[in-house]
Amino acid sequence: MTKLPETHPHVYDLFLQGFRVILRSDRFWAGLSTDLVIEQVLVRSLKTSGGVTHGRIMTEVQRVLWCLSRPACAEISG
């Protein structure tokens, strides 16, 4: 977000004008708030195969490392 004005100035201008929703489909009125989308994506990744809560016992350090690695994983797979 700190580099948004340089990397995507059009998106930054829209954000300043109040456009703060994410469209995950082309349906009318399908906009979701950013915090809701982050929560949905994080919870989905937690519960899928290979996620934190799917049949594994993890230490606190492993959970923190997994959560902190999510932005890097999203950048690679996105």
PDB file of N, CA and C in Angstrom:
ATOM      1  N   MET A   1       0.817  -1.195   0.000  1.00  0.00           N
ATOM      2  CA  MET A   1       0.000   0.000   0.000  1.00  0.00           C
ATOM      3  C   MET A   1       0.859   1.256   0.000  1.00  0.00           C
ATOM      4  N   THR A   2       2.031   1.182   0.610  1.00  0.00           N
ATOM      5  CA  THR A   2       2.851   2.388   0.676  1.00  0.00           C
ATOM      6  C   THR A   2       3.381   2.788  -0.693  1.00  0.00           C
ATOM      7  N   LYS A   3       3.520   1.845  -1.601  1.00  0.00           N
ATOM      8  CA  LYS A   3       4.019   2.145  -2.936  1.00  0.00           C
ATOM      9  C   LYS A   3       2.901   2.264  -3.965  1.00  0.00           C
ATOM     10  N   LEU A   4       1.663   2.173  -3.524  1.00  0.00           N
ATOM     11  CA  LEU A   4       0.522   2.225  -4.438  1.00  0.00           C
ATOM     12  C   LEU A   4       0.484   3.487  -5.298  1.00  0.00           C
ATOM     13  N   PRO A   5       0.806   4.667  -4.761  1.00  0.00           N
ATOM     14  CA  PRO A   5       0.783   5.860  -5.629  1.00  0.00           C
ATOM     15  C   PRO A   5       1.756   5.771  -6.799  1.00  0.00           C
ATOM     16  N   GLU A   6       2.892   5.113  -6.606  1.00  0.00           N
ATOM     17  CA  GLU A   6       3.867   4.984  -7.690  1.00  0.00           C
ATOM     18  C   GLU A   6       3.566   3.810  -8.611  1.00  0.00           C
ATOM     19  N   THR A   7       3.146   2.684  -8.028  1.00  0.00           N
ATOM     20  CA  THR A   7       2.957   1.474  -8.832  1.00  0.00           C
ATOM     21  C   THR A   7       1.631   1.456  -9.584  1.00  0.00           C
ATOM     22  N   HIS A   8       0.569   1.935  -8.950  1.00  0.00           N
ATOM     23  CA  HIS A   8      -0.769   1.929  -9.561  1.00  0.00           C
ATOM     24  C   HIS A   8      -1.481   3.238  -9.237  1.00  0.00           C
ATOM     25  N   PRO A   9      -1.092   4.342  -9.868  1.00  0.00           N
ATOM     26  CA  PRO A   9      -1.679   5.652  -9.527  1.00  0.00           C
ATOM     27  C   PRO A   9      -3.190   5.720  -9.763  1.00  0.00           C
ATOM     28  N   HIS A  10      -3.691   5.031 -10.782  1.00  0.00           N
ATOM     29  CA  HIS A  10      -5.136   5.061 -11.047  1.00  0.00           C
ATOM     30  C   HIS A  10      -5.904   4.412  -9.890  1.00  0.00           C
ATOM     31  N   VAL A  11      -5.416   3.285  -9.417  1.00  0.00           N
ATOM     32  CA  VAL A  11      -6.057   2.597  -8.285  1.00  0.00           C
ATOM     33  C   VAL A  11      -5.981   3.474  -7.038  1.00  0.00           C
ATOM     34  N   TYR A  12      -4.850   4.120  -6.830  1.00  0.00           N
ATOM     35  CA  TYR A  12      -4.685   4.997  -5.678  1.00  0.00           C
ATOM     36  C   TYR A  12      -5.676   6.159  -5.719  1.00  0.00           C
ATOM     37  N   ASP A  13      -5.861   6.763  -6.882  1.00  0.00           N
ATOM     38  CA  ASP A  13      -6.833   7.855  -7.023  1.00  0.00           C
ATOM     39  C   ASP A  13      -8.247   7.388  -6.723  1.00  0.00           C
ATOM     40  N   LEU A  14      -8.601   6.211  -7.223  1.00  0.00           N
ATOM     41  CA  LEU A  14      -9.938   5.672  -6.935  1.00  0.00           C
ATOM     42  C   LEU A  14     -10.112   5.393  -5.444  1.00  0.00           C
ATOM     43  N   PHE A  15      -9.071   4.882  -4.815  1.00  0.00           N
ATOM     44  CA  PHE A  15      -9.119   4.606  -3.380  1.00  0.00           C
ATOM     45  C   PHE A  15      -9.367   5.896  -2.591  1.00  0.00           C
ATOM     46  N   LEU A  16      -8.694   6.970  -2.976  1.00  0.00           N
ATOM     47  CA  LEU A  16      -8.891   8.253  -2.298  1.00  0.00           C
ATOM     48  C   LEU A  16     -10.289   8.817  -2.527  1.00  0.00           C
ATOM     49  N   GLN A  17     -10.921   8.451  -3.641  1.00  0.00           N
ATOM     50  CA  GLN A  17     -12.276   8.922  -3.946  1.00  0.00           C
ATOM     51  C   GLN A  17     -13.352   8.105  -3.231  1.00  0.00           C
ATOM     52  N   GLY A  18     -12.962   7.072  -2.485  1.00  0.00           N
ATOM     53  CA  GLY A  18     -13.921   6.293  -1.716  1.00  0.00           C
ATOM     54  C   GLY A  18     -14.234   4.927  -2.283  1.00  0.00           C
ATOM     55  N   PHE A  19     -13.605   4.552  -3.375  1.00  0.00           N
ATOM     56  CA  PHE A  19     -13.824   3.220  -3.941  1.00  0.00           C
ATOM     57  C   PHE A  19     -12.968   2.228  -3.171  1.00  0.00           C
ATOM     58  N   ARG A  20     -13.565   1.601  -2.157  1.00  0.00           N
ATOM     59  CA  ARG A  20     -12.805   0.725  -1.270  1.00  0.00           C
ATOM     60  C   ARG A  20     -13.414  -0.665  -1.170  1.00  0.00           C
ATOM     61  N   VAL A  21     -13.894  -1.180  -2.266  1.00  0.00           N
ATOM     62  CA  VAL A  21     -14.442  -2.532  -2.269  1.00  0.00           C
ATOM     63  C   VAL A  21     -13.683  -3.379  -3.285  1.00  0.00           C
ATOM     64  N   ILE A  22     -13.777  -4.678  -3.103  1.00  0.00           N
ATOM     65  CA  ILE A  22     -13.138  -5.636  -3.998  1.00  0.00           C
ATOM     66  C   ILE A  22     -14.230  -6.396  -4.723  1.00  0.00           C
ATOM     67  N   LEU A  23     -14.103  -6.483  -6.031  1.00  0.00           N
ATOM     68  CA  LEU A  23     -15.057  -7.250  -6.831  1.00  0.00           C
ATOM     69  C   LEU A  23     -14.426  -8.601  -7.166  1.00  0.00           C
ATOM     70  N   ARG A  24     -15.029  -9.672  -6.655  1.00  0.00           N
ATOM     71  CA  ARG A  24     -14.500 -11.006  -6.922  1.00  0.00           C
ATOM     72  C   ARG A  24     -15.266 -11.703  -8.034  1.00  0.00           C
ATOM     73  N   SER A  25     -16.303 -11.053  -8.550  1.00  0.00           N
ATOM     74  CA  SER A  25     -17.059 -11.599  -9.677  1.00  0.00           C
ATOM     75  C   SER A  25     -17.623 -10.423 -10.470  1.00  0.00           C
ATOM     76  N   ASP A  26     -18.213 -10.708 -11.612  1.00  0.00           N
ATOM     77  CA  ASP A  26     -18.789  -9.663 -12.457  1.00  0.00           C
ATOM     78  C   ASP A  26     -20.244  -9.358 -12.123  1.00  0.00           C
ATOM     79  N   ARG A  27     -20.765  -9.966 -11.068  1.00  0.00           N
ATOM     80  CA  ARG A  27     -22.160  -9.763 -10.698  1.00  0.00           C
ATOM     81  C   ARG A  27     -22.378  -8.366 -10.128  1.00  0.00           C
ATOM     82  N   PHE A  28     -23.566  -7.831 -10.392  1.00  0.00           N
ATOM     83  CA  PHE A  28     -23.942  -6.518  -9.884  1.00  0.00           C
ATOM     84  C   PHE A  28     -24.051  -6.579  -8.360  1.00  0.00           C
ATOM     85  N   TRP A  29     -23.600  -5.586  -7.670  1.00  0.00           N
ATOM     86  CA  TRP A  29     -23.604  -5.505  -6.207  1.00  0.00           C
ATOM     87  C   TRP A  29     -22.777  -6.618  -5.571  1.00  0.00           C
ATOM     88  N   ALA A  30     -21.686  -7.011  -6.192  1.00  0.00           N
ATOM     89  CA  ALA A  30     -20.864  -8.086  -5.664  1.00  0.00           C
ATOM     90  C   ALA A  30     -19.643  -7.565  -4.914  1.00  0.00           C
ATOM     91  N   GLY A  31     -19.600  -6.279  -4.622  1.00  0.00           N
ATOM     92  CA  GLY A  31     -18.443  -5.698  -3.946  1.00  0.00           C
ATOM     93  C   GLY A  31     -18.378  -6.109  -2.487  1.00  0.00           C
ATOM     94  N   LEU A  32     -17.175  -6.416  -2.030  1.00  0.00           N
ATOM     95  CA  LEU A  32     -16.945  -6.801  -0.643  1.00  0.00           C
ATOM     96  C   LEU A  32     -15.900  -5.870  -0.043  1.00  0.00           C
ATOM     97  N   SER A  33     -16.008  -5.635   1.255  1.00  0.00           N
ATOM     98  CA  SER A  33     -15.007  -4.795   1.913  1.00  0.00           C
ATOM     99  C   SER A  33     -13.680  -5.542   1.972  1.00  0.00           C
ATOM    100  N   THR A  34     -12.598  -4.783   2.011  1.00  0.00           N
ATOM    101  CA  THR A  34     -11.269  -5.402   1.983  1.00  0.00           C
ATOM    102  C   THR A  34     -11.037  -6.304   3.183  1.00  0.00           C
ATOM    103  N   ASP A  35     -11.484  -5.916   4.376  1.00  0.00           N
ATOM    104  CA  ASP A  35     -11.253  -6.756   5.544  1.00  0.00           C
ATOM    105  C   ASP A  35     -12.025  -8.072   5.455  1.00  0.00           C
ATOM    106  N   LEU A  36     -13.214  -8.049   4.855  1.00  0.00           N
ATOM    107  CA  LEU A  36     -13.980  -9.277   4.680  1.00  0.00           C
ATOM    108  C   LEU A  36     -13.291 -10.222   3.698  1.00  0.00           C
ATOM    109  N   VAL A  37     -12.760  -9.688   2.612  1.00  0.00           N
ATOM    110  CA  VAL A  37     -12.064 -10.524   1.627  1.00  0.00           C
ATOM    111  C   VAL A  37     -10.815 -11.133   2.242  1.00  0.00           C
ATOM    112  N   ILE A  38     -10.054 -10.334   2.982  1.00  0.00           N
ATOM    113  CA  ILE A  38      -8.854 -10.863   3.643  1.00  0.00           C
ATOM    114  C   ILE A  38      -9.236 -11.983   4.601  1.00  0.00           C
ATOM    115  N   GLU A  39     -10.299 -11.771   5.374  1.00  0.00           N
ATOM    116  CA  GLU A  39     -10.743 -12.799   6.315  1.00  0.00           C
ATOM    117  C   GLU A  39     -11.178 -14.059   5.586  1.00  0.00           C
ATOM    118  N   GLN A  40     -11.949 -13.936   4.508  1.00  0.00           N
ATOM    119  CA  GLN A  40     -12.409 -15.103   3.765  1.00  0.00           C
ATOM    120  C   GLN A  40     -11.247 -15.885   3.174  1.00  0.00           C
ATOM    121  N   VAL A  41     -10.288 -15.182   2.584  1.00  0.00           N
ATOM    122  CA  VAL A  41      -9.146 -15.849   1.971  1.00  0.00           C
ATOM    123  C   VAL A  41      -8.293 -16.533   3.032  1.00  0.00           C
ATOM    124  N   LEU A  42      -8.058 -15.853   4.155  1.00  0.00           N
ATOM    125  CA  LEU A  42      -7.243 -16.438   5.214  1.00  0.00           C
ATOM    126  C   LEU A  42      -7.919 -17.655   5.825  1.00  0.00           C
ATOM    127  N   VAL A  43      -9.203 -17.550   6.136  1.00  0.00           N
ATOM    128  CA  VAL A  43      -9.922 -18.674   6.733  1.00  0.00           C
ATOM    129  C   VAL A  43      -9.967 -19.850   5.771  1.00  0.00           C
ATOM    130  N   ARG A  44     -10.194 -19.586   4.480  1.00  0.00           N
ATOM    131  CA  ARG A  44     -10.221 -20.669   3.495  1.00  0.00           C
ATOM    132  C   ARG A  44      -8.873 -21.375   3.432  1.00  0.00           C
ATOM    133  N   SER A  45      -7.793 -20.592   3.444  1.00  0.00           N
ATOM    134  CA  SER A  45      -6.471 -21.206   3.368  1.00  0.00           C
ATOM    135  C   SER A  45      -6.124 -21.951   4.648  1.00  0.00           C
ATOM    136  N   LEU A  46      -6.682 -21.525   5.779  1.00  0.00           N
ATOM    137  CA  LEU A  46      -6.453 -22.240   7.025  1.00  0.00           C
ATOM    138  C   LEU A  46      -7.122 -23.610   7.026  1.00  0.00           C
ATOM    139  N   LYS A  47      -8.290 -23.717   6.397  1.00  0.00           N
ATOM    140  CA  LYS A  47      -9.089 -24.931   6.477  1.00  0.00           C
ATOM    141  C   LYS A  47      -8.885 -25.903   5.323  1.00  0.00           C
ATOM    142  N   THR A  48      -8.147 -25.527   4.298  1.00  0.00           N
ATOM    143  CA  THR A  48      -7.933 -26.423   3.166  1.00  0.00           C
ATOM    144  C   THR A  48      -6.838 -27.421   3.477  1.00  0.00           C
ATOM    145  N   SER A  49      -6.693 -28.393   2.622  1.00  0.00           N
ATOM    146  CA  SER A  49      -5.640 -29.391   2.783  1.00  0.00           C
ATOM    147  C   SER A  49      -4.287 -28.700   2.780  1.00  0.00           C
ATOM    148  N   GLY A  50      -3.492 -28.972   3.793  1.00  0.00           N
ATOM    149  CA  GLY A  50      -2.204 -28.315   3.927  1.00  0.00           C
ATOM    150  C   GLY A  50      -2.265 -27.064   4.769  1.00  0.00           C
ATOM    151  N   GLY A  51      -3.465 -26.679   5.178  1.00  0.00           N
ATOM    152  CA  GLY A  51      -3.617 -25.502   6.020  1.00  0.00           C
ATOM    153  C   GLY A  51      -3.333 -25.824   7.471  1.00  0.00           C
ATOM    154  N   VAL A  52      -3.455 -24.825   8.311  1.00  0.00           N
ATOM    155  CA  VAL A  52      -3.094 -24.973   9.718  1.00  0.00           C
ATOM    156  C   VAL A  52      -4.037 -25.915  10.453  1.00  0.00           C
ATOM    157  N   THR A  53      -5.328 -25.861  10.206  1.00  0.00           N
ATOM    158  CA  THR A  53      -6.286 -26.617  11.012  1.00  0.00           C
ATOM    159  C   THR A  53      -6.667 -27.960  10.412  1.00  0.00           C
ATOM    160  N   HIS A  54      -6.080 -28.354   9.315  1.00  0.00           N
ATOM    161  CA  HIS A  54      -6.504 -29.588   8.640  1.00  0.00           C
ATOM    162  C   HIS A  54      -5.649 -30.781   9.080  1.00  0.00           C
ATOM    163  N   GLY A  55      -5.984 -31.352  10.247  1.00  0.00           N
ATOM    164  CA  GLY A  55      -5.380 -32.593  10.692  1.00  0.00           C
ATOM    165  C   GLY A  55      -3.939 -32.506  11.163  1.00  0.00           C
ATOM    166  N   ARG A  56      -3.458 -31.327  11.486  1.00  0.00           N
ATOM    167  CA  ARG A  56      -2.080 -31.211  11.958  1.00  0.00           C
ATOM    168  C   ARG A  56      -2.039 -30.494  13.292  1.00  0.00           C
ATOM    169  N   ILE A  57      -1.068 -30.883  14.087  1.00  0.00           N
ATOM    170  CA  ILE A  57      -0.818 -30.180  15.334  1.00  0.00           C
ATOM    171  C   ILE A  57       0.442 -29.355  15.116  1.00  0.00           C
ATOM    172  N   MET A  58       0.326 -28.053  15.282  1.00  0.00           N
ATOM    173  CA  MET A  58       1.444 -27.152  15.031  1.00  0.00           C
ATOM    174  C   MET A  58       1.778 -26.380  16.293  1.00  0.00           C
ATOM    175  N   THR A  59       3.045 -26.056  16.439  1.00  0.00           N
ATOM    176  CA  THR A  59       3.455 -25.216  17.550  1.00  0.00           C
ATOM    177  C   THR A  59       3.097 -23.762  17.236  1.00  0.00           C
ATOM    178  N   GLU A  60       3.182 -22.916  18.237  1.00  0.00           N
ATOM    179  CA  GLU A  60       2.867 -21.504  18.048  1.00  0.00           C
ATOM    180  C   GLU A  60       3.823 -20.871  17.037  1.00  0.00           C
ATOM    181  N   VAL A  61       5.092 -21.234  17.086  1.00  0.00           N
ATOM    182  CA  VAL A  61       6.080 -20.684  16.150  1.00  0.00           C
ATOM    183  C   VAL A  61       5.738 -21.093  14.720  1.00  0.00           C
ATOM    184  N   GLN A  62       5.317 -22.338  14.519  1.00  0.00           N
ATOM    185  CA  GLN A  62       4.946 -22.797  13.179  1.00  0.00           C
ATOM    186  C   GLN A  62       3.720 -22.054  12.665  1.00  0.00           C
ATOM    187  N   ARG A  63       2.734 -21.800  13.536  1.00  0.00           N
ATOM    188  CA  ARG A  63       1.538 -21.057  13.132  1.00  0.00           C
ATOM    189  C   ARG A  63       1.886 -19.626  12.741  1.00  0.00           C
ATOM    190  N   VAL A  64       2.736 -18.985  13.509  1.00  0.00           N
ATOM    191  CA  VAL A  64       3.139 -17.609  13.203  1.00  0.00           C
ATOM    192  C   VAL A  64       3.889 -17.570  11.877  1.00  0.00           C
ATOM    193  N   LEU A  65       4.814 -18.486  11.680  1.00  0.00           N
ATOM    194  CA  LEU A  65       5.569 -18.539  10.429  1.00  0.00           C
ATOM    195  C   LEU A  65       4.636 -18.775   9.248  1.00  0.00           C
ATOM    196  N   TRP A  66       3.658 -19.668   9.406  1.00  0.00           N
ATOM    197  CA  TRP A  66       2.707 -19.956   8.334  1.00  0.00           C
ATOM    198  C   TRP A  66       1.907 -18.697   7.994  1.00  0.00           C
ATOM    199  N   CYS A  67       1.402 -18.001   9.019  1.00  0.00           N
ATOM    200  CA  CYS A  67       0.600 -16.792   8.782  1.00  0.00           C
ATOM    201  C   CYS A  67       1.431 -15.684   8.145  1.00  0.00           C
ATOM    202  N   LEU A  68       2.656 -15.525   8.578  1.00  0.00           N
ATOM    203  CA  LEU A  68       3.509 -14.475   8.025  1.00  0.00           C
ATOM    204  C   LEU A  68       3.965 -14.790   6.609  1.00  0.00           C
ATOM    205  N   SER A  69       3.920 -16.063   6.195  1.00  0.00           N
ATOM    206  CA  SER A  69       4.340 -16.425   4.841  1.00  0.00           C
ATOM    207  C   SER A  69       3.227 -16.243   3.811  1.00  0.00           C
ATOM    208  N   ARG A  70       2.001 -16.017   4.257  1.00  0.00           N
ATOM    209  CA  ARG A  70       0.855 -15.906   3.346  1.00  0.00           C
ATOM    210  C   ARG A  70       1.030 -14.791   2.305  1.00  0.00           C
ATOM    211  N   PRO A  71       1.481 -13.581   2.662  1.00  0.00           N
ATOM    212  CA  PRO A  71       1.640 -12.553   1.627  1.00  0.00           C
ATOM    213  C   PRO A  71       2.636 -12.964   0.525  1.00  0.00           C
ATOM    214  N   ALA A  72       3.730 -13.605   0.914  1.00  0.00           N
ATOM    215  CA  ALA A  72       4.704 -14.047  -0.087  1.00  0.00           C
ATOM    216  C   ALA A  72       4.110 -15.130  -0.972  1.00  0.00           C
ATOM    217  N   CYS A  73       3.356 -16.043  -0.393  1.00  0.00           N
ATOM    218  CA  CYS A  73       2.713 -17.099  -1.177  1.00  0.00           C
ATOM    219  C   CYS A  73       1.670 -16.515  -2.130  1.00  0.00           C
ATOM    220  N   ALA A  74       0.927 -15.527  -1.671  1.00  0.00           N
ATOM    221  CA  ALA A  74      -0.091 -14.904  -2.527  1.00  0.00           C
ATOM    222  C   ALA A  74       0.562 -14.187  -3.689  1.00  0.00           C
ATOM    223  N   GLU A  75       1.705 -13.553  -3.442  1.00  0.00           N
ATOM    224  CA  GLU A  75       2.401 -12.842  -4.510  1.00  0.00           C
ATOM    225  C   GLU A  75       2.905 -13.809  -5.573  1.00  0.00           C
ATOM    226  N   ILE A  76       3.363 -14.975  -5.142  1.00  0.00           N
ATOM    227  CA  ILE A  76       3.877 -15.980  -6.077  1.00  0.00           C
ATOM    228  C   ILE A  76       2.749 -16.619  -6.869  1.00  0.00           C
ATOM    229  N   SER A  77       1.652 -16.974  -6.189  1.00  0.00           N
ATOM    230  CA  SER A  77       0.566 -17.686  -6.870  1.00  0.00           C
ATOM    231  C   SER A  77      -0.406 -16.745  -7.564  1.00  0.00           C
ATOM    232  N   GLY A  78      -0.360 -15.468  -7.274  1.00  0.00           N
ATOM    233  CA  GLY A  78      -1.310 -14.501  -7.827  1.00  0.00           C
ATOM    234  C   GLY A  78      -0.908 -14.057  -9.148  1.00  0.00           C
TER     235      GLY A  78
END
